[in-house]
Amino acid sequence: MDLKLDTATGDLAIENNDLVLLSDPAAAIQQHWQIRLRTFKGEWFLDQRIGIPYYQAVLRKNPNQNLITAIFRAATVQTPGIRTVDSFSLSLEPITRTLTIDVEGKLEGDLGTFRFQYAEMILPQFGAAERVRA
């Protein structure tokens, strides 16, 4: 079992002043997949090879769409618990700076099929951080 994360904030989920456990294996695999996609390469001090190379490949003026798709597809395929990826689509909207991924496939064991979706603004609009602090 894994600790559940709040989908809105990414913090540990707490209900009735207690941590929440994920007992559903498919939900745990989905959460692990989302954590992988949110981890920047070099972010984890114990192994700086882990993560998505956001600064090197994604957060560029004219990012290579094929390279980005390959990077996120590889992260998906390498996620423990995912057996096969049958359908994978990725879009990176430059105006809203939103990365959207839709993936379908099979989970390991007798967990069946899955459809995971991921949508995240990968870079806040310029100046947004300053407005929030004020």
N, C-alpha and C. Protein backbone atom coordinates (compact mmCIF):
# COMPACT_ATOMS: atom_id res chain seq x y z
N MET A 1 0.83 -1.19 0.00
CA MET A 1 0.00 0.00 0.00
C MET A 1 0.87 1.25 0.00
N ASP A 2 0.37 2.26 -0.66
CA ASP A 2 1.06 3.54 -0.75
C ASP A 2 0.26 4.61 -0.02
N LEU A 3 0.94 5.67 0.35
CA LEU A 3 0.25 6.84 0.90
C LEU A 3 -0.39 7.59 -0.25
N LYS A 4 -1.61 8.02 -0.07
CA LYS A 4 -2.33 8.74 -1.11
C LYS A 4 -1.90 10.20 -1.12
N LEU A 5 -1.77 10.73 -2.34
CA LEU A 5 -1.46 12.14 -2.51
C LEU A 5 -2.70 12.88 -2.94
N ASP A 6 -2.84 14.11 -2.47
CA ASP A 6 -3.94 14.97 -2.89
C ASP A 6 -3.70 15.34 -4.35
N THR A 7 -4.66 15.08 -5.22
CA THR A 7 -4.48 15.32 -6.65
C THR A 7 -4.35 16.80 -6.98
N ALA A 8 -4.92 17.66 -6.19
CA ALA A 8 -4.86 19.10 -6.47
C ALA A 8 -3.53 19.72 -6.04
N THR A 9 -3.02 19.30 -4.89
CA THR A 9 -1.82 19.95 -4.35
C THR A 9 -0.56 19.11 -4.46
N GLY A 10 -0.71 17.79 -4.55
CA GLY A 10 0.46 16.91 -4.56
C GLY A 10 0.96 16.58 -3.17
N ASP A 11 0.32 17.15 -2.14
CA ASP A 11 0.69 16.86 -0.76
C ASP A 11 0.05 15.55 -0.31
N LEU A 12 0.51 15.05 0.82
CA LEU A 12 -0.11 13.85 1.39
C LEU A 12 -1.57 14.13 1.70
N ALA A 13 -2.43 13.18 1.37
CA ALA A 13 -3.86 13.32 1.66
C ALA A 13 -4.09 13.01 3.14
N ILE A 14 -4.84 13.90 3.79
CA ILE A 14 -5.16 13.72 5.20
C ILE A 14 -6.67 13.84 5.37
N GLU A 15 -7.24 12.82 6.00
CA GLU A 15 -8.67 12.83 6.29
C GLU A 15 -8.86 12.49 7.76
N ASN A 16 -9.65 13.26 8.46
CA ASN A 16 -9.88 13.07 9.89
C ASN A 16 -8.56 13.03 10.67
N ASN A 17 -7.65 13.95 10.31
CA ASN A 17 -6.34 14.05 10.96
C ASN A 17 -5.51 12.78 10.85
N ASP A 18 -5.69 12.03 9.76
CA ASP A 18 -4.94 10.80 9.57
C ASP A 18 -4.53 10.68 8.10
N LEU A 19 -3.38 10.08 7.86
CA LEU A 19 -2.93 9.84 6.49
C LEU A 19 -3.83 8.82 5.84
N VAL A 20 -3.99 8.92 4.52
CA VAL A 20 -4.86 8.02 3.77
C VAL A 20 -3.98 7.07 2.97
N LEU A 21 -4.34 5.79 2.99
CA LEU A 21 -3.61 4.79 2.22
C LEU A 21 -4.34 4.46 0.93
N LEU A 22 -3.59 4.17 -0.12
CA LEU A 22 -4.16 3.71 -1.37
C LEU A 22 -4.19 2.19 -1.34
N SER A 23 -5.36 1.61 -1.30
CA SER A 23 -5.46 0.16 -1.27
C SER A 23 -5.71 -0.43 -2.66
N ASP A 24 -6.16 0.40 -3.61
CA ASP A 24 -6.42 -0.04 -4.97
C ASP A 24 -5.10 -0.06 -5.75
N PRO A 25 -4.64 -1.25 -6.20
CA PRO A 25 -3.35 -1.33 -6.91
C PRO A 25 -3.30 -0.48 -8.18
N ALA A 26 -4.40 -0.41 -8.93
CA ALA A 26 -4.42 0.39 -10.16
C ALA A 26 -4.26 1.88 -9.84
N ALA A 27 -4.90 2.34 -8.78
CA ALA A 27 -4.77 3.74 -8.37
C ALA A 27 -3.35 4.04 -7.91
N ALA A 28 -2.71 3.07 -7.25
CA ALA A 28 -1.33 3.25 -6.81
C ALA A 28 -0.38 3.35 -8.01
N ILE A 29 -0.62 2.55 -9.04
CA ILE A 29 0.20 2.60 -10.25
C ILE A 29 0.01 3.95 -10.94
N GLN A 30 -1.23 4.41 -11.02
CA GLN A 30 -1.50 5.70 -11.64
C GLN A 30 -0.80 6.83 -10.88
N GLN A 31 -0.86 6.79 -9.56
CA GLN A 31 -0.21 7.82 -8.76
C GLN A 31 1.30 7.78 -8.97
N HIS A 32 1.88 6.58 -9.03
CA HIS A 32 3.32 6.45 -9.25
C HIS A 32 3.70 7.02 -10.62
N TRP A 33 2.86 6.76 -11.63
CA TRP A 33 3.09 7.29 -12.98
C TRP A 33 3.08 8.82 -12.96
N GLN A 34 2.11 9.40 -12.27
CA GLN A 34 2.03 10.85 -12.20
C GLN A 34 3.22 11.46 -11.47
N ILE A 35 3.69 10.80 -10.43
CA ILE A 35 4.88 11.27 -9.71
C ILE A 35 6.08 11.27 -10.65
N ARG A 36 6.22 10.21 -11.46
CA ARG A 36 7.32 10.14 -12.41
C ARG A 36 7.28 11.32 -13.39
N LEU A 37 6.07 11.65 -13.85
CA LEU A 37 5.94 12.72 -14.84
C LEU A 37 6.20 14.09 -14.24
N ARG A 38 6.02 14.23 -12.95
CA ARG A 38 6.24 15.53 -12.29
C ARG A 38 7.66 15.72 -11.77
N THR A 39 8.47 14.68 -11.83
CA THR A 39 9.83 14.76 -11.30
C THR A 39 10.79 15.30 -12.35
N PHE A 40 11.44 16.40 -12.02
CA PHE A 40 12.43 16.99 -12.91
C PHE A 40 13.73 16.22 -12.79
N LYS A 41 14.40 16.01 -13.91
CA LYS A 41 15.70 15.32 -13.90
C LYS A 41 16.67 16.09 -13.02
N GLY A 42 17.35 15.37 -12.12
CA GLY A 42 18.30 15.99 -11.21
C GLY A 42 17.68 16.50 -9.93
N GLU A 43 16.37 16.37 -9.79
CA GLU A 43 15.68 16.89 -8.61
C GLU A 43 15.96 16.05 -7.36
N TRP A 44 16.08 14.74 -7.53
CA TRP A 44 16.28 13.88 -6.37
C TRP A 44 17.78 13.75 -6.11
N PHE A 45 18.22 14.19 -4.96
CA PHE A 45 19.64 14.29 -4.66
C PHE A 45 20.35 12.94 -4.59
N LEU A 46 19.63 11.86 -4.33
CA LEU A 46 20.27 10.55 -4.23
C LEU A 46 20.59 9.93 -5.60
N ASP A 47 19.86 10.32 -6.63
CA ASP A 47 20.14 9.84 -7.98
C ASP A 47 19.67 10.89 -8.98
N GLN A 48 20.58 11.72 -9.42
CA GLN A 48 20.21 12.84 -10.28
C GLN A 48 19.91 12.43 -11.72
N ARG A 49 20.02 11.13 -12.03
CA ARG A 49 19.65 10.65 -13.36
C ARG A 49 18.14 10.45 -13.48
N ILE A 50 17.46 10.38 -12.34
CA ILE A 50 16.02 10.12 -12.33
C ILE A 50 15.26 11.39 -12.68
N GLY A 51 14.21 11.23 -13.47
CA GLY A 51 13.33 12.36 -13.77
C GLY A 51 13.22 12.67 -15.24
N ILE A 52 12.31 13.56 -15.55
CA ILE A 52 12.07 14.03 -16.90
C ILE A 52 12.99 15.22 -17.17
N PRO A 53 13.70 15.25 -18.29
CA PRO A 53 14.60 16.38 -18.58
C PRO A 53 13.82 17.61 -19.05
N TYR A 54 13.06 18.18 -18.13
CA TYR A 54 12.24 19.35 -18.46
C TYR A 54 13.11 20.52 -18.95
N TYR A 55 14.15 20.86 -18.19
CA TYR A 55 14.98 22.01 -18.56
C TYR A 55 15.75 21.75 -19.85
N GLN A 56 16.16 20.51 -20.07
CA GLN A 56 16.98 20.19 -21.22
C GLN A 56 16.16 20.02 -22.51
N ALA A 57 14.90 19.54 -22.42
CA ALA A 57 14.16 19.20 -23.63
C ALA A 57 12.76 19.81 -23.73
N VAL A 58 12.07 19.96 -22.62
CA VAL A 58 10.66 20.35 -22.66
C VAL A 58 10.48 21.86 -22.58
N LEU A 59 11.13 22.51 -21.64
CA LEU A 59 10.95 23.95 -21.42
C LEU A 59 11.88 24.74 -22.33
N ARG A 60 11.66 24.60 -23.59
CA ARG A 60 12.45 25.26 -24.63
C ARG A 60 11.57 26.17 -25.45
N LYS A 61 12.17 27.10 -26.17
CA LYS A 61 11.39 28.00 -27.02
C LYS A 61 10.65 27.22 -28.10
N ASN A 62 11.33 26.34 -28.81
CA ASN A 62 10.71 25.50 -29.83
C ASN A 62 11.06 24.05 -29.54
N PRO A 63 10.35 23.42 -28.59
CA PRO A 63 10.71 22.05 -28.21
C PRO A 63 10.42 21.06 -29.35
N ASN A 64 11.23 20.02 -29.41
CA ASN A 64 11.07 18.96 -30.39
C ASN A 64 9.95 18.03 -29.93
N GLN A 65 8.82 18.09 -30.60
CA GLN A 65 7.63 17.32 -30.20
C GLN A 65 7.90 15.81 -30.21
N ASN A 66 8.66 15.33 -31.18
CA ASN A 66 8.96 13.89 -31.25
C ASN A 66 9.82 13.46 -30.07
N LEU A 67 10.79 14.28 -29.71
CA LEU A 67 11.65 13.97 -28.57
C LEU A 67 10.85 13.96 -27.27
N ILE A 68 10.00 14.96 -27.09
CA ILE A 68 9.18 15.04 -25.89
C ILE A 68 8.26 13.82 -25.78
N THR A 69 7.63 13.45 -26.89
CA THR A 69 6.76 12.28 -26.89
C THR A 69 7.55 11.04 -26.51
N ALA A 70 8.73 10.87 -27.06
CA ALA A 70 9.56 9.71 -26.74
C ALA A 70 9.96 9.68 -25.27
N ILE A 71 10.28 10.84 -24.71
CA ILE A 71 10.68 10.92 -23.30
C ILE A 71 9.53 10.50 -22.38
N PHE A 72 8.34 11.05 -22.61
CA PHE A 72 7.21 10.74 -21.74
C PHE A 72 6.68 9.33 -21.98
N ARG A 73 6.77 8.84 -23.20
CA ARG A 73 6.35 7.46 -23.47
C ARG A 73 7.29 6.49 -22.74
N ALA A 74 8.60 6.76 -22.79
CA ALA A 74 9.56 5.90 -22.09
C ALA A 74 9.31 5.91 -20.58
N ALA A 75 9.02 7.08 -20.02
CA ALA A 75 8.72 7.16 -18.58
C ALA A 75 7.47 6.36 -18.26
N THR A 76 6.50 6.35 -19.17
CA THR A 76 5.27 5.60 -18.96
C THR A 76 5.54 4.10 -19.02
N VAL A 77 6.23 3.66 -20.04
CA VAL A 77 6.52 2.24 -20.23
C VAL A 77 7.36 1.70 -19.07
N GLN A 78 8.24 2.51 -18.52
CA GLN A 78 9.13 2.08 -17.44
C GLN A 78 8.49 2.15 -16.06
N THR A 79 7.26 2.61 -15.97
CA THR A 79 6.58 2.69 -14.69
C THR A 79 6.24 1.29 -14.19
N PRO A 80 6.68 0.93 -12.99
CA PRO A 80 6.35 -0.39 -12.46
C PRO A 80 4.84 -0.60 -12.40
N GLY A 81 4.40 -1.76 -12.88
CA GLY A 81 2.98 -2.09 -12.86
C GLY A 81 2.32 -1.95 -14.21
N ILE A 82 2.93 -1.20 -15.12
CA ILE A 82 2.38 -1.06 -16.47
C ILE A 82 3.04 -2.12 -17.35
N ARG A 83 2.21 -3.01 -17.90
CA ARG A 83 2.74 -4.09 -18.75
C ARG A 83 2.91 -3.62 -20.18
N THR A 84 1.86 -3.05 -20.78
CA THR A 84 1.94 -2.58 -22.16
C THR A 84 1.24 -1.23 -22.30
N VAL A 85 1.68 -0.48 -23.28
CA VAL A 85 1.04 0.78 -23.64
C VAL A 85 0.49 0.59 -25.05
N ASP A 86 -0.83 0.59 -25.18
CA ASP A 86 -1.47 0.37 -26.47
C ASP A 86 -1.76 1.67 -27.19
N SER A 87 -2.01 2.74 -26.46
CA SER A 87 -2.33 4.04 -27.05
C SER A 87 -1.66 5.12 -26.22
N PHE A 88 -1.00 6.05 -26.90
CA PHE A 88 -0.30 7.13 -26.21
C PHE A 88 -0.43 8.40 -27.02
N SER A 89 -0.99 9.44 -26.43
CA SER A 89 -1.05 10.73 -27.12
C SER A 89 -0.58 11.82 -26.17
N LEU A 90 0.15 12.76 -26.73
CA LEU A 90 0.72 13.86 -25.95
C LEU A 90 0.51 15.14 -26.73
N SER A 91 0.11 16.18 -26.02
CA SER A 91 0.05 17.50 -26.65
C SER A 91 0.63 18.53 -25.69
N LEU A 92 1.35 19.45 -26.26
CA LEU A 92 1.96 20.54 -25.50
C LEU A 92 1.45 21.83 -26.11
N GLU A 93 0.55 22.49 -25.39
CA GLU A 93 -0.07 23.72 -25.87
C GLU A 93 0.82 24.90 -25.50
N PRO A 94 1.42 25.56 -26.50
CA PRO A 94 2.38 26.63 -26.19
C PRO A 94 1.75 27.87 -25.55
N ILE A 95 0.52 28.18 -25.86
CA ILE A 95 -0.10 29.40 -25.33
C ILE A 95 -0.45 29.23 -23.85
N THR A 96 -1.12 28.13 -23.51
CA THR A 96 -1.50 27.90 -22.11
C THR A 96 -0.40 27.17 -21.34
N ARG A 97 0.62 26.70 -22.06
CA ARG A 97 1.75 25.96 -21.47
C ARG A 97 1.27 24.73 -20.72
N THR A 98 0.28 24.06 -21.30
CA THR A 98 -0.30 22.87 -20.68
C THR A 98 0.16 21.62 -21.41
N LEU A 99 0.67 20.68 -20.66
CA LEU A 99 1.05 19.38 -21.17
C LEU A 99 -0.08 18.42 -20.86
N THR A 100 -0.59 17.73 -21.89
CA THR A 100 -1.67 16.78 -21.71
C THR A 100 -1.23 15.43 -22.28
N ILE A 101 -1.40 14.38 -21.48
CA ILE A 101 -1.05 13.04 -21.90
C ILE A 101 -2.25 12.14 -21.65
N ASP A 102 -2.55 11.31 -22.64
CA ASP A 102 -3.63 10.32 -22.53
C ASP A 102 -3.03 8.99 -22.93
N VAL A 103 -3.08 8.02 -22.04
CA VAL A 103 -2.44 6.72 -22.30
C VAL A 103 -3.38 5.59 -21.90
N GLU A 104 -3.38 4.55 -22.72
CA GLU A 104 -4.16 3.35 -22.45
C GLU A 104 -3.27 2.14 -22.61
N GLY A 105 -3.57 1.09 -21.85
CA GLY A 105 -2.78 -0.13 -21.97
C GLY A 105 -3.24 -1.17 -20.97
N LYS A 106 -2.30 -2.08 -20.66
CA LYS A 106 -2.59 -3.18 -19.74
C LYS A 106 -1.67 -3.09 -18.53
N LEU A 107 -2.25 -3.40 -17.38
CA LEU A 107 -1.49 -3.45 -16.14
C LEU A 107 -1.00 -4.87 -15.91
N GLU A 108 0.03 -5.02 -15.10
CA GLU A 108 0.57 -6.34 -14.81
C GLU A 108 -0.40 -7.15 -13.95
N GLY A 109 -0.21 -8.45 -13.99
CA GLY A 109 -1.06 -9.34 -13.21
C GLY A 109 -2.46 -9.37 -13.77
N ASP A 110 -3.41 -9.52 -12.88
CA ASP A 110 -4.81 -9.59 -13.30
C ASP A 110 -5.53 -8.26 -13.07
N LEU A 111 -4.79 -7.16 -13.13
CA LEU A 111 -5.38 -5.85 -12.87
C LEU A 111 -6.14 -5.31 -14.08
N GLY A 112 -5.96 -5.91 -15.25
CA GLY A 112 -6.73 -5.52 -16.42
C GLY A 112 -6.14 -4.35 -17.18
N THR A 113 -7.03 -3.59 -17.81
CA THR A 113 -6.61 -2.47 -18.64
C THR A 113 -6.71 -1.16 -17.85
N PHE A 114 -6.10 -0.13 -18.41
CA PHE A 114 -6.14 1.18 -17.75
C PHE A 114 -6.26 2.27 -18.80
N ARG A 115 -6.71 3.42 -18.34
CA ARG A 115 -6.65 4.66 -19.10
C ARG A 115 -6.27 5.75 -18.11
N PHE A 116 -5.06 6.27 -18.27
CA PHE A 116 -4.56 7.32 -17.41
C PHE A 116 -4.53 8.62 -18.20
N GLN A 117 -4.86 9.71 -17.52
CA GLN A 117 -4.78 11.03 -18.12
C GLN A 117 -3.97 11.94 -17.20
N TYR A 118 -3.25 12.82 -17.83
CA TYR A 118 -2.39 13.74 -17.10
C TYR A 118 -2.47 15.09 -17.79
N ALA A 119 -2.75 16.11 -17.04
CA ALA A 119 -2.76 17.47 -17.59
C ALA A 119 -2.15 18.38 -16.54
N GLU A 120 -1.17 19.15 -16.95
CA GLU A 120 -0.46 20.00 -16.00
C GLU A 120 0.09 21.22 -16.73
N MET A 121 -0.06 22.39 -16.10
CA MET A 121 0.60 23.58 -16.61
C MET A 121 2.06 23.45 -16.20
N ILE A 122 2.93 23.30 -17.18
CA ILE A 122 4.32 22.99 -16.85
C ILE A 122 5.18 24.21 -16.56
N LEU A 123 4.69 25.37 -16.95
CA LEU A 123 5.44 26.58 -16.64
C LEU A 123 4.43 27.70 -16.45
N PRO A 124 4.31 28.22 -15.25
CA PRO A 124 3.34 29.30 -15.02
C PRO A 124 3.59 30.47 -15.95
N GLN A 125 2.56 31.22 -16.20
CA GLN A 125 2.68 32.41 -17.05
C GLN A 125 3.69 33.35 -16.42
N PHE A 126 4.43 34.04 -17.25
CA PHE A 126 5.47 34.97 -16.77
C PHE A 126 4.87 35.98 -15.80
N GLY A 127 5.48 36.10 -14.66
CA GLY A 127 5.04 37.08 -13.67
C GLY A 127 3.98 36.55 -12.72
N ALA A 128 3.48 35.35 -12.92
CA ALA A 128 2.42 34.83 -12.05
C ALA A 128 2.92 34.66 -10.62
N ALA A 129 4.16 34.23 -10.45
CA ALA A 129 4.70 34.02 -9.10
C ALA A 129 4.76 35.34 -8.34
N GLU A 130 5.14 36.40 -9.02
CA GLU A 130 5.21 37.70 -8.36
C GLU A 130 3.83 38.19 -7.94
N ARG A 131 2.82 37.93 -8.78
CA ARG A 131 1.46 38.36 -8.42
C ARG A 131 0.93 37.59 -7.23
N VAL A 132 1.28 36.30 -7.12
CA VAL A 132 0.81 35.50 -6.01
C VAL A 132 1.43 35.97 -4.70
N ARG A 133 2.70 36.35 -4.72
CA ARG A 133 3.39 36.78 -3.51
C ARG A 133 2.89 38.12 -3.00
N ALA A 134 2.44 38.96 -3.88
CA ALA A 134 2.07 40.32 -3.49
C ALA A 134 0.81 40.35 -2.66
